[in-house]
Protein backbone atom coordinates (compact mmCIF):
# COMPACT_ATOMS: atom_id res chain seq x y z
CA MET A 1 0.00 0.00 0.00
CA LEU A 2 1.37 3.41 -1.00
CA VAL A 3 -0.29 5.20 1.93
CA HIS A 4 2.00 5.55 4.98
CA SER A 5 -0.11 7.52 7.44
CA LYS A 6 -2.14 5.43 9.90
CA LYS A 7 -5.19 7.62 9.47
CA ALA A 8 -4.91 7.44 5.70
CA LYS A 9 -4.56 3.65 5.83
CA ALA A 10 -7.61 3.43 8.05
CA ALA A 11 -9.56 5.61 5.62
CA VAL A 12 -8.49 3.48 2.66
CA TRP A 13 -9.49 0.26 4.43
CA ALA A 14 -12.81 1.79 5.48
CA GLY A 15 -13.51 2.84 1.91
CA PHE A 16 -12.57 -0.61 0.66
CA LEU A 17 -14.88 -2.33 3.14
CA LEU A 18 -17.72 0.06 2.37
CA LEU A 19 -17.41 -0.81 -1.33
CA PHE A 20 -16.54 -4.51 -0.98
CA LEU A 21 -19.18 -5.58 1.53
CA PRO A 22 -22.35 -4.20 -0.10
CA LEU A 23 -21.26 -4.75 -3.70
CA PHE A 24 -19.53 -8.15 -3.52
CA ALA A 25 -19.65 -9.94 -0.17
CA LEU A 26 -23.24 -9.18 0.84
CA PRO A 27 -24.93 -10.55 -2.32
CA PHE A 28 -23.02 -13.84 -1.98
CA ALA A 29 -23.92 -14.01 1.71
CA VAL A 30 -27.61 -13.53 0.86
CA ILE A 31 -27.45 -16.31 -1.75
CA LEU A 32 -25.80 -18.62 0.77
CA ALA A 33 -28.45 -17.81 3.38
CA ALA A 34 -31.26 -18.26 0.85
CA SER A 35 -29.96 -21.71 -0.09
CA PHE A 36 -30.74 -22.86 3.48
CA ALA A 37 -33.99 -20.88 3.85
CA SER A 38 -37.63 -21.84 3.49
CA THR A 39 -39.28 -18.41 3.78
CA TRP A 40 -38.52 -14.71 3.52
CA SER A 41 -38.59 -12.59 6.67
CA GLY A 42 -38.74 -9.03 5.47
CA ALA A 43 -35.69 -8.40 3.31
CA LEU A 44 -33.77 -11.49 4.46
CA PRO A 45 -34.34 -15.24 4.10
CA SER A 46 -35.26 -17.25 7.19
CA GLY A 47 -36.41 -20.70 8.27
CA PRO A 48 -33.18 -22.73 8.00
CA THR A 49 -33.51 -26.08 6.25
CA PRO A 50 -31.14 -28.39 4.34
CA ALA A 51 -33.97 -29.63 2.11
CA HIS A 52 -32.78 -27.77 -0.98
CA TYR A 53 -29.39 -29.49 -0.90
CA GLN A 54 -31.06 -32.85 -0.24
CA ASP A 55 -33.24 -32.35 -3.30
CA MET A 56 -30.13 -31.73 -5.41
CA THR A 57 -28.99 -35.32 -4.88
CA LYS A 58 -32.34 -36.78 -5.96
CA GLY A 59 -33.18 -34.89 -9.15
CA ASP A 60 -31.32 -33.82 -12.27
CA SER A 61 -29.20 -31.23 -10.50
CA LEU A 62 -26.27 -33.55 -9.93
CA ASP A 63 -26.28 -34.53 -13.61
CA ALA A 64 -26.36 -30.83 -14.55
CA LEU A 65 -23.36 -30.15 -12.32
CA VAL A 66 -21.42 -33.02 -13.91
CA THR A 67 -22.41 -31.71 -17.34
CA SER A 68 -21.07 -28.25 -16.48
CA LEU A 69 -17.83 -29.72 -15.13
CA LEU A 70 -17.25 -31.88 -18.21
CA THR A 71 -18.13 -29.02 -20.58
CA ALA A 72 -15.85 -26.58 -18.77
CA LEU A 73 -13.00 -29.09 -18.64
CA ALA A 74 -13.23 -29.87 -22.36
CA ALA A 75 -13.67 -26.22 -23.35
CA SER A 76 -10.78 -25.00 -21.18
CA LEU A 77 -8.37 -27.63 -22.54
CA LEU A 78 -9.39 -26.95 -26.15
CA ALA A 79 -9.16 -23.20 -25.56
CA LEU A 80 -5.73 -23.60 -23.98
CA ALA A 81 -4.45 -25.62 -26.95
CA ALA A 82 -5.88 -23.20 -29.53
CA GLY A 83 -4.91 -20.06 -27.62
CA THR A 84 -1.36 -21.26 -26.98
CA TRP A 85 -0.87 -22.29 -30.59
CA ALA A 86 -2.18 -18.93 -31.81
CA ALA A 87 -0.03 -17.00 -29.33
CA LEU A 88 3.11 -18.86 -30.43
CA ALA A 89 2.22 -18.33 -34.09
CA ALA A 90 1.52 -14.63 -33.53
CA GLN A 91 4.84 -14.17 -31.74
CA ARG A 92 6.63 -15.81 -34.65
CA LEU A 93 4.84 -13.65 -37.21
CA GLY A 94 5.14 -10.37 -35.32
CA GLY A 95 4.02 -6.98 -36.60
CA ARG A 96 0.81 -6.86 -38.60
CA GLY A 97 0.34 -10.64 -38.53
CA LYS A 98 0.27 -10.61 -34.73
CA LYS A 99 -2.30 -7.82 -34.72
CA VAL A 100 -4.53 -9.76 -37.12
CA ILE A 101 -4.40 -12.93 -35.01
CA ASP A 102 -5.05 -10.99 -31.79
CA THR A 103 -8.04 -9.28 -33.37
CA LEU A 104 -9.52 -12.52 -34.66
CA PHE A 105 -9.26 -14.23 -31.30
CA MET A 106 -10.75 -11.26 -29.46
CA LEU A 107 -13.71 -11.00 -31.84
CA PRO A 108 -15.98 -13.45 -29.91
CA VAL A 109 -15.47 -11.35 -26.77
CA ALA A 110 -16.30 -8.12 -28.58
CA VAL A 111 -19.79 -9.31 -29.56
CA PRO A 112 -22.60 -10.50 -27.25
CA SER A 113 -22.41 -14.20 -26.42
CA VAL A 114 -25.98 -14.55 -27.69
CA ALA A 115 -24.69 -13.63 -31.14
CA VAL A 116 -21.99 -16.30 -30.84
CA GLY A 117 -24.62 -18.90 -29.93
CA LEU A 118 -26.83 -17.87 -32.85
CA SER A 119 -23.92 -17.94 -35.29
CA LEU A 120 -23.02 -21.48 -34.24
CA LEU A 121 -26.66 -22.51 -34.42
CA VAL A 122 -26.82 -21.34 -38.04
CA ALA A 123 -23.35 -22.57 -39.02
CA PHE A 124 -23.89 -26.14 -37.82
CA SER A 125 -27.51 -26.60 -38.89
CA GLN A 126 -26.84 -28.36 -42.20
CA PRO A 127 -24.82 -31.43 -43.25
CA PRO A 128 -21.96 -32.24 -43.33
CA LEU A 129 -21.50 -30.24 -40.12
CA LEU A 130 -24.84 -30.95 -38.48
CA LEU A 131 -24.20 -30.48 -34.77
CA ASN A 132 -27.44 -28.90 -33.61
CA GLY A 133 -28.92 -30.85 -30.74
CA THR A 134 -25.59 -32.40 -29.73
CA ARG A 135 -23.33 -31.84 -26.76
CA GLN A 136 -20.45 -31.06 -29.12
CA ILE A 137 -21.97 -27.74 -30.15
CA VAL A 138 -22.16 -26.67 -26.49
CA ILE A 139 -18.48 -27.47 -26.00
CA ILE A 140 -17.60 -25.62 -29.22
CA ALA A 141 -19.56 -22.56 -28.11
CA HIS A 142 -17.82 -22.47 -24.74
CA THR A 143 -14.44 -22.98 -26.42
CA VAL A 144 -15.04 -20.08 -28.81
CA LEU A 145 -16.06 -17.80 -25.95
CA VAL A 146 -13.11 -18.53 -23.64
CA THR A 147 -10.26 -19.04 -26.13
CA ALA A 148 -9.62 -15.28 -26.27
CA PHE A 149 -8.71 -15.24 -22.57
CA ALA A 150 -6.30 -18.15 -22.98
CA HIS A 151 -4.75 -16.46 -25.99
CA GLN A 152 -4.28 -13.15 -24.21
CA SER A 153 -2.85 -14.79 -21.10
CA VAL A 154 -0.29 -16.82 -23.03
CA SER A 155 0.56 -13.86 -25.29
CA ALA A 156 1.29 -11.69 -22.26
CA ALA A 157 3.49 -14.44 -20.78
CA LEU A 158 5.39 -14.79 -24.05
CA ASP A 159 6.06 -11.05 -24.11
CA ARG A 160 7.57 -11.30 -20.62
CA LEU A 161 9.63 -14.40 -21.40
CA ASP A 162 13.36 -13.80 -21.66
CA PRO A 163 14.45 -14.85 -25.18
CA ALA A 164 17.90 -15.75 -23.83
CA TYR A 165 16.65 -19.19 -22.75
CA GLU A 166 15.45 -20.06 -26.24
CA GLN A 167 18.55 -18.58 -27.86
CA SER A 168 20.87 -20.50 -25.54
CA ALA A 169 19.13 -23.80 -26.27
CA ALA A 170 19.25 -23.13 -30.02
CA ALA A 171 22.93 -22.19 -29.81
CA LEU A 172 23.63 -25.54 -28.14
CA GLY A 173 22.11 -27.36 -31.12
CA ALA A 174 18.58 -27.98 -29.87
CA ARG A 175 15.96 -28.32 -32.58
CA PRO A 176 12.97 -25.94 -32.61
CA ALA A 177 10.57 -28.68 -31.48
CA TYR A 178 12.86 -29.56 -28.56
CA VAL A 179 13.18 -25.90 -27.59
CA LEU A 180 9.40 -25.57 -27.62
CA TRP A 181 8.61 -28.66 -25.55
CA ARG A 182 11.55 -28.67 -23.14
CA VAL A 183 12.35 -24.97 -22.73
CA LYS A 184 9.55 -22.59 -23.71
CA LEU A 185 6.44 -24.50 -22.57
CA PRO A 186 7.88 -25.41 -19.15
CA LEU A 187 8.69 -21.74 -18.57
CA LEU A 188 5.11 -20.89 -19.59
CA LEU A 189 3.56 -23.53 -17.31
CA PRO A 190 2.43 -21.09 -14.56
CA SER A 191 0.68 -18.91 -17.16
CA LEU A 192 -0.81 -21.97 -18.88
CA THR A 193 -2.33 -23.24 -15.64
CA ALA A 194 -3.66 -19.76 -14.82
CA ALA A 195 -5.23 -19.52 -18.28
CA THR A 196 -6.81 -22.95 -17.82
CA GLY A 197 -8.34 -21.92 -14.52
CA LEU A 198 -9.71 -18.69 -15.97
CA CYS A 199 -11.23 -20.49 -18.96
CA PHE A 200 -12.74 -23.13 -16.68
CA ALA A 201 -14.37 -20.54 -14.42
CA LEU A 202 -15.78 -18.58 -17.36
CA SER A 203 -17.16 -21.73 -18.96
CA MET A 204 -18.80 -22.84 -15.71
CA GLY A 205 -20.81 -19.62 -15.57
CA GLU A 206 -21.68 -19.29 -19.27
CA LEU A 207 -25.44 -18.94 -19.85
CA SER A 208 -26.43 -16.70 -22.77
CA ALA A 209 -25.00 -18.70 -25.67
CA THR A 210 -25.74 -22.02 -23.94
CA MET A 211 -29.44 -21.18 -23.67
CA MET A 212 -29.70 -21.09 -27.46
CA ILE A 213 -27.95 -24.34 -28.33
CA TYR A 214 -28.07 -26.85 -25.48
CA PRO A 215 -29.82 -30.20 -26.14
CA PRO A 216 -32.21 -31.73 -23.57
CA ASP A 217 -29.73 -34.47 -22.67
CA TRP A 218 -26.85 -32.02 -22.03
CA LEU A 219 -28.20 -29.48 -19.56
CA PRO A 220 -25.50 -27.35 -17.87
CA LEU A 221 -26.11 -26.14 -14.35
CA PRO A 222 -26.40 -22.39 -15.15
CA VAL A 223 -29.32 -23.19 -17.47
CA GLN A 224 -31.00 -25.21 -14.73
CA ILE A 225 -30.45 -22.38 -12.25
CA PHE A 226 -32.14 -19.97 -14.66
CA ALA A 227 -35.05 -22.35 -15.24
CA THR A 228 -35.46 -23.00 -11.52
CA THR A 229 -35.53 -19.34 -10.54
CA ASP A 230 -37.76 -18.53 -13.51
CA ARG A 231 -40.34 -20.90 -12.03
CA GLY A 232 -40.19 -18.96 -8.78
CA ALA A 233 -38.16 -21.52 -6.80
CA LEU A 234 -35.63 -18.97 -5.58
CA PHE A 235 -34.35 -21.00 -2.64
CA SER A 236 -33.69 -24.06 -4.77
CA GLY A 237 -32.00 -21.86 -7.36
CA ALA A 238 -29.82 -20.35 -4.64
CA ALA A 239 -28.73 -23.83 -3.54
CA LEU A 240 -27.82 -24.69 -7.12
CA ALA A 241 -25.88 -21.43 -7.43
CA VAL A 242 -23.93 -22.22 -4.25
CA ALA A 243 -23.12 -25.69 -5.59
CA LEU A 244 -21.91 -24.14 -8.85
CA MET A 245 -19.73 -21.63 -7.02
CA ALA A 246 -18.33 -24.28 -4.68
CA ALA A 247 -17.42 -26.65 -7.53
CA THR A 248 -15.75 -23.82 -9.45
CA LEU A 249 -13.77 -22.64 -6.42
CA ILE A 250 -12.59 -26.17 -5.63
CA VAL A 251 -11.27 -26.64 -9.15
CA LEU A 252 -9.67 -23.19 -9.15
CA PHE A 253 -8.00 -23.95 -5.83
CA GLY A 254 -6.54 -27.13 -7.32
CA VAL A 255 -5.34 -25.23 -10.39
CA SER A 256 -3.74 -22.56 -8.18
CA ARG A 257 -1.84 -25.25 -6.28
CA ILE A 258 -0.53 -26.64 -9.56
CA ARG A 259 0.40 -23.13 -10.69
CA THR A 260 2.25 -22.49 -7.42
CA ARG A 261 4.25 -25.69 -7.76
CA ALA A 262 5.02 -24.88 -11.39
CA SER A 263 6.30 -21.44 -10.38
CA TYR A 264 8.90 -22.98 -8.06
CA ARG A 265 10.18 -25.56 -10.53
């Protein structure tokens, strides 16, 4: 913190808490309380009960959670592969070629995700690429939406990477493929794991494009949360939202542990 005075530090912390608590912490606390509630008492939920979490194990909610996890895992790995490849290619091209690749990969983020879902719905509606009504189109949509973040993360890491490592390996006679797999990618491992975690979290919460293309047998949890709350079952929807957040945080915690270990290699 750049503030040295005790009074100034206290004022900064007070301002932070005044902004953080009502804008970020309080809404999550209300959702958590609502997931255990049975009634509303004024502006707050009341009547503690674990029934909503018990219902999750009996219906389709568990399947929806598994669907979201599998979709996010597949989309994040595909996005990481595509984004890393594009970042390496853009670095090699440099100049105008790098700008073109960066623009192309950022395009899905620049337009509403609903437009991305509609474009995929139209693009894969006719043979030989008939994917409408399949789980593959959901994974493709999530991959398209999160690849930009993987690309930007790896590109930033490549810009910070000292070229002396690659040059030293090449000077010692290492082939380009060996330099890539044994020198460059290991040095990028912390950024790769961070990009994977970011893509996973974004995919877990994706709703707009998914609503347009998901098939009945591949229902992600955000869609079920929307459908549940749309029917007026707010407490059940809150329990599903807590389960979604908990699953995402657990995976992100595991990814952060891997990233920490990779940083100390």
